[in-house]
Amino acid sequence: MSLIATPADIHAGYLEWLMDAGADPHTTDNCGRTLLHVFAETSTHAVDLSSLSRRAIEAGVHPAQLDDFGQTALHSAASNEWCSAELIQLLVRHCTGFDPFTLKNCDGHTPIAVAKACGYHRVAHLIASACMPKTSA
C-alpha cells in the first residue's frame, strides 16, 4: 500500500488487520450483512478481496447467508459494477444449497437480475458463466 491510499485500500487493509487480530468473522452489521457481503460490495479490479473472502469462508462464513434484505453476498456482488471475476467465482463455488439462477432477494430478484437491473451486464455474464457446469473436452 502506498502512502497515498484510496478508501478501498484502507478498508481492505483494516479488514485484513481485524481478521489477523482474531476478530469474529461471523459478526454482522446492523443490516445483517456478513464480511462476505461487505467484500462483495467493495471489491474492485484494483482491490480484489478474494483472498479475504476465502479466509472468511474457511472460517465458516457461508456465502448463502441472507442479510436483512434477503440478499446473499452474490446479490451484493451483482450490485457492484467492478466486482472481480475471481470473487464472483469464489462465491458461486461455495454457495452450496442454492441456485443463483432462482434464489431471489426480498424484492424477488436473482443475483443475475440485480446485475442486469443495475446495467452491469459484465457482472451478470460473470455470474452466469460461473454457474455453468464445466465440461471436459
C-alpha atoms as a PDB file:
ATOM      1  CA  MET A   1       0.000   0.000   0.000  1.00  0.00           C
ATOM      2  CA  SER A   2       1.358   3.391  -0.946  1.00  0.00           C
ATOM      3  CA  LEU A   3       1.399   6.462   1.247  1.00  0.00           C
ATOM      4  CA  ILE A   4      -1.478   7.811  -0.815  1.00  0.00           C
ATOM      5  CA  ALA A   5      -4.144   5.164  -0.481  1.00  0.00           C
ATOM      6  CA  THR A   6      -7.689   5.009  -1.739  1.00  0.00           C
ATOM      7  CA  PRO A   7     -10.517   4.404   0.747  1.00  0.00           C
ATOM      8  CA  ALA A   8     -10.847   0.873  -0.664  1.00  0.00           C
ATOM      9  CA  ASP A   9      -7.144   0.201   0.051  1.00  0.00           C
ATOM     10  CA  ILE A  10      -7.526   1.441   3.613  1.00  0.00           C
ATOM     11  CA  HIS A  11     -10.756  -0.531   4.030  1.00  0.00           C
ATOM     12  CA  ALA A  12      -9.119  -3.769   2.778  1.00  0.00           C
ATOM     13  CA  GLY A  13      -6.075  -3.229   4.959  1.00  0.00           C
ATOM     14  CA  TYR A  14      -8.206  -2.540   8.005  1.00  0.00           C
ATOM     15  CA  LEU A  15     -10.368  -5.626   7.426  1.00  0.00           C
ATOM     16  CA  GLU A  16      -7.289  -7.786   6.928  1.00  0.00           C
ATOM     17  CA  TRP A  17      -5.822  -6.382  10.154  1.00  0.00           C
ATOM     18  CA  LEU A  18      -9.045  -7.183  12.010  1.00  0.00           C
ATOM     19  CA  MET A  19      -9.054 -10.752  10.701  1.00  0.00           C
ATOM     20  CA  ASP A  20      -5.387 -11.199  11.621  1.00  0.00           C
ATOM     21  CA  ALA A  21      -6.146  -9.845  15.110  1.00  0.00           C
ATOM     22  CA  GLY A  22      -8.783 -12.544  15.622  1.00  0.00           C
ATOM     23  CA  ALA A  23     -11.997 -10.593  15.070  1.00  0.00           C
ATOM     24  CA  ASP A  24     -15.049 -12.855  14.807  1.00  0.00           C
ATOM     25  CA  PRO A  25     -15.687 -13.279  11.060  1.00  0.00           C
ATOM     26  CA  HIS A  26     -19.314 -14.234  11.764  1.00  0.00           C
ATOM     27  CA  THR A  27     -20.151 -10.756  13.063  1.00  0.00           C
ATOM     28  CA  THR A  28     -22.827  -8.950  11.075  1.00  0.00           C
ATOM     29  CA  ASP A  29     -23.568  -5.253  10.767  1.00  0.00           C
ATOM     30  CA  ASN A  30     -26.859  -3.554  11.662  1.00  0.00           C
ATOM     31  CA  CYS A  31     -28.344  -4.741   8.350  1.00  0.00           C
ATOM     32  CA  GLY A  32     -27.321  -8.361   8.854  1.00  0.00           C
ATOM     33  CA  ARG A  33     -24.518  -8.177   6.296  1.00  0.00           C
ATOM     34  CA  THR A  34     -21.569 -10.521   6.777  1.00  0.00           C
ATOM     35  CA  LEU A  35     -17.961  -9.864   5.823  1.00  0.00           C
ATOM     36  CA  LEU A  36     -18.715 -11.581   2.518  1.00  0.00           C
ATOM     37  CA  HIS A  37     -21.486  -9.085   1.770  1.00  0.00           C
ATOM     38  CA  VAL A  38     -19.104  -6.204   2.513  1.00  0.00           C
ATOM     39  CA  PHE A  39     -16.250  -7.721   0.482  1.00  0.00           C
ATOM     40  CA  ALA A  40     -18.592  -8.318  -2.476  1.00  0.00           C
ATOM     41  CA  GLU A  41     -19.859  -4.724  -2.305  1.00  0.00           C
ATOM     42  CA  THR A  42     -16.385  -3.172  -2.154  1.00  0.00           C
ATOM     43  CA  SER A  43     -14.167  -5.460  -4.234  1.00  0.00           C
ATOM     44  CA  THR A  44     -12.744  -3.861  -7.386  1.00  0.00           C
ATOM     45  CA  HIS A  45     -10.220  -4.639 -10.096  1.00  0.00           C
ATOM     46  CA  ALA A  46      -7.648  -2.679  -8.108  1.00  0.00           C
ATOM     47  CA  VAL A  47      -8.604  -4.055  -4.681  1.00  0.00           C
ATOM     48  CA  ASP A  48      -9.622  -7.673  -5.126  1.00  0.00           C
ATOM     49  CA  LEU A  49     -10.920  -9.015  -1.830  1.00  0.00           C
ATOM     50  CA  SER A  50     -10.988 -12.666  -2.946  1.00  0.00           C
ATOM     51  CA  SER A  51      -8.234 -13.744  -0.563  1.00  0.00           C
ATOM     52  CA  LEU A  52     -10.004 -12.159   2.429  1.00  0.00           C
ATOM     53  CA  SER A  53     -13.293 -13.680   1.252  1.00  0.00           C
ATOM     54  CA  ARG A  54     -11.628 -17.096   1.036  1.00  0.00           C
ATOM     55  CA  ARG A  55     -10.388 -16.670   4.615  1.00  0.00           C
ATOM     56  CA  ALA A  56     -13.897 -15.774   5.799  1.00  0.00           C
ATOM     57  CA  ILE A  57     -15.359 -18.837   4.045  1.00  0.00           C
ATOM     58  CA  GLU A  58     -12.665 -21.055   5.554  1.00  0.00           C
ATOM     59  CA  ALA A  59     -13.630 -19.629   8.965  1.00  0.00           C
ATOM     60  CA  GLY A  60     -17.216 -20.749   8.359  1.00  0.00           C
ATOM     61  CA  VAL A  61     -18.967 -17.674   6.973  1.00  0.00           C
ATOM     62  CA  HIS A  62     -21.459 -19.062   4.455  1.00  0.00           C
ATOM     63  CA  PRO A  63     -21.866 -17.208   1.136  1.00  0.00           C
ATOM     64  CA  ALA A  64     -25.581 -18.039   1.044  1.00  0.00           C
ATOM     65  CA  GLN A  65     -26.301 -16.306   4.379  1.00  0.00           C
ATOM     66  CA  LEU A  66     -29.058 -13.766   3.913  1.00  0.00           C
ATOM     67  CA  ASP A  67     -28.897 -10.216   5.207  1.00  0.00           C
ATOM     68  CA  ASP A  68     -31.964  -8.366   6.499  1.00  0.00           C
ATOM     69  CA  PHE A  69     -32.994  -7.620   2.893  1.00  0.00           C
ATOM     70  CA  GLY A  70     -32.865 -11.267   1.840  1.00  0.00           C
ATOM     71  CA  GLN A  71     -29.674 -10.778  -0.123  1.00  0.00           C
ATOM     72  CA  THR A  72     -26.723 -13.127  -0.299  1.00  0.00           C
ATOM     73  CA  ALA A  73     -23.156 -11.980  -0.875  1.00  0.00           C
ATOM     74  CA  LEU A  74     -23.712 -12.850  -4.544  1.00  0.00           C
ATOM     75  CA  HIS A  75     -26.599 -10.361  -4.682  1.00  0.00           C
ATOM     76  CA  SER A  76     -24.194  -7.798  -3.196  1.00  0.00           C
ATOM     77  CA  ALA A  77     -21.575  -8.645  -5.823  1.00  0.00           C
ATOM     78  CA  ALA A  78     -24.219  -8.245  -8.522  1.00  0.00           C
ATOM     79  CA  SER A  79     -24.772  -4.630  -7.464  1.00  0.00           C
ATOM     80  CA  ASN A  80     -21.038  -3.842  -7.671  1.00  0.00           C
ATOM     81  CA  GLU A  81     -20.059  -2.886 -11.221  1.00  0.00           C
ATOM     82  CA  TRP A  82     -16.378  -3.514 -10.530  1.00  0.00           C
ATOM     83  CA  CYS A  83     -16.622  -6.783  -8.570  1.00  0.00           C
ATOM     84  CA  SER A  84     -13.794  -9.092  -9.592  1.00  0.00           C
ATOM     85  CA  ALA A  85     -14.401 -12.259 -11.571  1.00  0.00           C
ATOM     86  CA  GLU A  86     -12.359 -14.222  -9.024  1.00  0.00           C
ATOM     87  CA  LEU A  87     -14.602 -13.151  -6.146  1.00  0.00           C
ATOM     88  CA  ILE A  88     -17.787 -13.961  -8.080  1.00  0.00           C
ATOM     89  CA  GLN A  89     -16.407 -17.413  -8.957  1.00  0.00           C
ATOM     90  CA  LEU A  90     -15.445 -17.990  -5.319  1.00  0.00           C
ATOM     91  CA  LEU A  91     -18.933 -17.077  -4.085  1.00  0.00           C
ATOM     92  CA  VAL A  92     -20.674 -19.268  -6.663  1.00  0.00           C
ATOM     93  CA  ARG A  93     -18.332 -22.200  -5.962  1.00  0.00           C
ATOM     94  CA  HIS A  94     -19.047 -22.063  -2.220  1.00  0.00           C
ATOM     95  CA  CYS A  95     -22.766 -21.271  -2.357  1.00  0.00           C
ATOM     96  CA  THR A  96     -23.854 -24.850  -1.926  1.00  0.00           C
ATOM     97  CA  GLY A  97     -27.511 -25.417  -1.303  1.00  0.00           C
ATOM     98  CA  PHE A  98     -28.923 -22.702  -3.539  1.00  0.00           C
ATOM     99  CA  ASP A  99     -29.203 -21.952  -7.224  1.00  0.00           C
ATOM    100  CA  PRO A 100     -28.049 -18.445  -8.222  1.00  0.00           C
ATOM    101  CA  PHE A 101     -30.460 -18.620 -11.178  1.00  0.00           C
ATOM    102  CA  THR A 102     -33.512 -18.999  -8.913  1.00  0.00           C
ATOM    103  CA  LEU A 103     -32.563 -17.564  -5.481  1.00  0.00           C
ATOM    104  CA  LYS A 104     -34.481 -14.323  -5.029  1.00  0.00           C
ATOM    105  CA  ASN A 105     -33.993 -11.480  -2.571  1.00  0.00           C
ATOM    106  CA  CYS A 106     -36.943  -9.856  -0.770  1.00  0.00           C
ATOM    107  CA  ASP A 107     -37.679  -7.821  -3.925  1.00  0.00           C
ATOM    108  CA  GLY A 108     -37.964 -11.015  -5.970  1.00  0.00           C
ATOM    109  CA  HIS A 109     -34.692 -10.559  -7.874  1.00  0.00           C
ATOM    110  CA  THR A 110     -31.993 -13.144  -8.545  1.00  0.00           C
ATOM    111  CA  PRO A 111     -28.327 -12.052  -8.484  1.00  0.00           C
ATOM    112  CA  ILE A 112     -28.291 -12.026 -12.298  1.00  0.00           C
ATOM    113  CA  ALA A 113     -31.469  -9.897 -12.386  1.00  0.00           C
ATOM    114  CA  VAL A 114     -29.899  -7.465  -9.888  1.00  0.00           C
ATOM    115  CA  ALA A 115     -26.817  -7.060 -12.093  1.00  0.00           C
ATOM    116  CA  LYS A 116     -28.927  -6.546 -15.224  1.00  0.00           C
ATOM    117  CA  ALA A 117     -31.226  -4.059 -13.477  1.00  0.00           C
ATOM    118  CA  CYS A 118     -28.143  -2.049 -12.489  1.00  0.00           C
ATOM    119  CA  GLY A 119     -26.919  -2.169 -16.088  1.00  0.00           C
ATOM    120  CA  TYR A 120     -23.911  -4.276 -15.086  1.00  0.00           C
ATOM    121  CA  HIS A 121     -24.025  -6.770 -17.940  1.00  0.00           C
ATOM    122  CA  ARG A 122     -20.390  -7.789 -17.407  1.00  0.00           C
ATOM    123  CA  VAL A 123     -21.225  -8.823 -13.840  1.00  0.00           C
ATOM    124  CA  ALA A 124     -24.396 -10.659 -14.966  1.00  0.00           C
ATOM    125  CA  HIS A 125     -22.278 -12.550 -17.520  1.00  0.00           C
ATOM    126  CA  LEU A 126     -19.634 -13.380 -14.890  1.00  0.00           C
ATOM    127  CA  ILE A 127     -22.283 -14.795 -12.544  1.00  0.00           C
ATOM    128  CA  ALA A 128     -23.959 -16.817 -15.300  1.00  0.00           C
ATOM    129  CA  SER A 129     -20.585 -18.111 -16.539  1.00  0.00           C
ATOM    130  CA  ALA A 130     -19.509 -19.098 -13.025  1.00  0.00           C
ATOM    131  CA  CYS A 131     -22.757 -21.052 -12.604  1.00  0.00           C
ATOM    132  CA  MET A 132     -22.347 -23.072 -15.776  1.00  0.00           C
ATOM    133  CA  PRO A 133     -21.106 -26.631 -15.285  1.00  0.00           C
ATOM    134  CA  LYS A 134     -17.591 -27.150 -16.557  1.00  0.00           C
ATOM    135  CA  THR A 135     -17.317 -29.687 -19.343  1.00  0.00           C
ATOM    136  CA  SER A 136     -14.163 -31.517 -20.247  1.00  0.00           C
ATOM    137  CA  ALA A 137     -13.033 -31.539 -23.827  1.00  0.00           C
END
